[in-house]
Amino acid sequence: MPPAVRLIVISAFVLLTVGLLVLGAVKSKQMRVPFTILAIVLAFIYIVSYIVLFVL
Protein backbone atom coordinates (compact mmCIF):
# COMPACT_ATOMS: atom_id res chain seq x y z
CA MET A 1 0.00 0.00 0.00
CA PRO A 2 1.48 3.39 -0.94
CA PRO A 3 2.22 5.78 1.92
CA ALA A 4 -0.35 8.35 0.72
CA VAL A 5 -3.15 5.78 0.71
CA ARG A 6 -2.08 4.50 4.11
CA LEU A 7 -2.13 8.05 5.47
CA ILE A 8 -5.64 8.65 4.11
CA VAL A 9 -6.97 5.37 5.53
CA ILE A 10 -5.45 5.98 8.96
CA SER A 11 -6.71 9.60 8.98
CA ALA A 12 -10.23 8.47 8.13
CA PHE A 13 -10.17 5.86 10.89
CA VAL A 14 -8.83 8.40 13.41
CA LEU A 15 -11.46 10.99 12.52
CA LEU A 16 -14.21 8.38 12.69
CA THR A 17 -13.27 6.95 16.09
CA VAL A 18 -12.44 10.24 17.82
CA GLY A 19 -15.45 11.92 16.19
CA LEU A 20 -17.80 9.21 17.42
CA LEU A 21 -16.38 9.52 20.94
CA VAL A 22 -16.84 13.29 20.90
CA LEU A 23 -20.37 12.88 19.55
CA GLY A 24 -21.13 10.41 22.35
CA ALA A 25 -19.73 12.85 24.89
CA VAL A 26 -21.94 15.63 23.53
CA LYS A 27 -25.10 13.50 23.39
CA SER A 28 -24.78 11.68 26.74
CA LYS A 29 -24.82 13.54 30.03
CA GLN A 30 -23.88 10.54 32.15
CA MET A 31 -20.91 9.38 30.05
CA ARG A 32 -19.55 12.83 29.13
CA VAL A 33 -16.36 12.64 31.22
CA PRO A 34 -15.36 9.03 30.31
CA PHE A 35 -15.97 9.66 26.60
CA THR A 36 -13.97 12.88 26.71
CA ILE A 37 -11.06 11.24 28.54
CA LEU A 38 -11.08 8.31 26.12
CA ALA A 39 -11.16 10.64 23.10
CA ILE A 40 -8.18 12.62 24.44
CA VAL A 41 -6.19 9.45 25.17
CA LEU A 42 -6.96 7.99 21.73
CA ALA A 43 -6.05 11.25 20.01
CA PHE A 44 -2.72 11.29 21.87
CA ILE A 45 -2.04 7.67 20.86
CA TYR A 46 -2.89 8.46 17.23
CA ILE A 47 -0.60 11.51 17.20
CA VAL A 48 2.27 9.42 18.57
CA SER A 49 1.61 6.69 16.00
CA TYR A 50 1.63 9.31 13.20
CA ILE A 51 5.04 10.49 14.39
CA VAL A 52 6.37 6.93 14.58
CA LEU A 53 4.95 5.83 11.20
CA PHE A 54 5.60 8.84 9.03
CA VAL A 55 8.35 10.96 10.61
CA LEU A 56 10.84 8.47 12.03
C-alpha atoms as a PDB file:
ATOM      1  CA  MET A   1       0.000   0.000   0.000  1.00  0.00           C
ATOM      2  CA  PRO A   2       1.479   3.392  -0.945  1.00  0.00           C
ATOM      3  CA  PRO A   3       2.217   5.776   1.922  1.00  0.00           C
ATOM      4  CA  ALA A   4      -0.351   8.347   0.717  1.00  0.00           C
ATOM      5  CA  VAL A   5      -3.150   5.776   0.708  1.00  0.00           C
ATOM      6  CA  ARG A   6      -2.080   4.500   4.110  1.00  0.00           C
ATOM      7  CA  LEU A   7      -2.134   8.051   5.470  1.00  0.00           C
ATOM      8  CA  ILE A   8      -5.644   8.648   4.111  1.00  0.00           C
ATOM      9  CA  VAL A   9      -6.966   5.374   5.534  1.00  0.00           C
ATOM     10  CA  ILE A  10      -5.452   5.985   8.963  1.00  0.00           C
ATOM     11  CA  SER A  11      -6.706   9.596   8.984  1.00  0.00           C
ATOM     12  CA  ALA A  12     -10.235   8.470   8.130  1.00  0.00           C
ATOM     13  CA  PHE A  13     -10.165   5.857  10.895  1.00  0.00           C
ATOM     14  CA  VAL A  14      -8.834   8.399  13.414  1.00  0.00           C
ATOM     15  CA  LEU A  15     -11.461  10.989  12.517  1.00  0.00           C
ATOM     16  CA  LEU A  16     -14.211   8.380  12.692  1.00  0.00           C
ATOM     17  CA  THR A  17     -13.270   6.950  16.091  1.00  0.00           C
ATOM     18  CA  VAL A  18     -12.440  10.239  17.823  1.00  0.00           C
ATOM     19  CA  GLY A  19     -15.445  11.919  16.192  1.00  0.00           C
ATOM     20  CA  LEU A  20     -17.799   9.210  17.423  1.00  0.00           C
ATOM     21  CA  LEU A  21     -16.381   9.518  20.942  1.00  0.00           C
ATOM     22  CA  VAL A  22     -16.835  13.295  20.905  1.00  0.00           C
ATOM     23  CA  LEU A  23     -20.367  12.879  19.553  1.00  0.00           C
ATOM     24  CA  GLY A  24     -21.130  10.415  22.347  1.00  0.00           C
ATOM     25  CA  ALA A  25     -19.733  12.852  24.895  1.00  0.00           C
ATOM     26  CA  VAL A  26     -21.939  15.629  23.532  1.00  0.00           C
ATOM     27  CA  LYS A  27     -25.096  13.504  23.389  1.00  0.00           C
ATOM     28  CA  SER A  28     -24.781  11.678  26.735  1.00  0.00           C
ATOM     29  CA  LYS A  29     -24.823  13.540  30.026  1.00  0.00           C
ATOM     30  CA  GLN A  30     -23.885  10.538  32.150  1.00  0.00           C
ATOM     31  CA  MET A  31     -20.908   9.378  30.054  1.00  0.00           C
ATOM     32  CA  ARG A  32     -19.554  12.832  29.129  1.00  0.00           C
ATOM     33  CA  VAL A  33     -16.359  12.642  31.223  1.00  0.00           C
ATOM     34  CA  PRO A  34     -15.364   9.032  30.315  1.00  0.00           C
ATOM     35  CA  PHE A  35     -15.968   9.657  26.595  1.00  0.00           C
ATOM     36  CA  THR A  36     -13.967  12.885  26.713  1.00  0.00           C
ATOM     37  CA  ILE A  37     -11.058  11.243  28.540  1.00  0.00           C
ATOM     38  CA  LEU A  38     -11.080   8.305  26.116  1.00  0.00           C
ATOM     39  CA  ALA A  39     -11.158  10.643  23.103  1.00  0.00           C
ATOM     40  CA  ILE A  40      -8.179  12.621  24.443  1.00  0.00           C
ATOM     41  CA  VAL A  41      -6.191   9.452  25.171  1.00  0.00           C
ATOM     42  CA  LEU A  42      -6.956   7.988  21.732  1.00  0.00           C
ATOM     43  CA  ALA A  43      -6.055  11.253  20.010  1.00  0.00           C
ATOM     44  CA  PHE A  44      -2.723  11.285  21.867  1.00  0.00           C
ATOM     45  CA  ILE A  45      -2.035   7.667  20.857  1.00  0.00           C
ATOM     46  CA  TYR A  46      -2.888   8.456  17.232  1.00  0.00           C
ATOM     47  CA  ILE A  47      -0.597  11.511  17.203  1.00  0.00           C
ATOM     48  CA  VAL A  48       2.272   9.416  18.571  1.00  0.00           C
ATOM     49  CA  SER A  49       1.611   6.694  15.999  1.00  0.00           C
ATOM     50  CA  TYR A  50       1.633   9.310  13.198  1.00  0.00           C
ATOM     51  CA  ILE A  51       5.036  10.486  14.388  1.00  0.00           C
ATOM     52  CA  VAL A  52       6.373   6.930  14.576  1.00  0.00           C
ATOM     53  CA  LEU A  53       4.948   5.825  11.201  1.00  0.00           C
ATOM     54  CA  PHE A  54       5.605   8.839   9.030  1.00  0.00           C
ATOM     55  CA  VAL A  55       8.349  10.956  10.614  1.00  0.00           C
ATOM     56  CA  LEU A  56      10.839   8.475  12.030  1.00  0.00           C
END
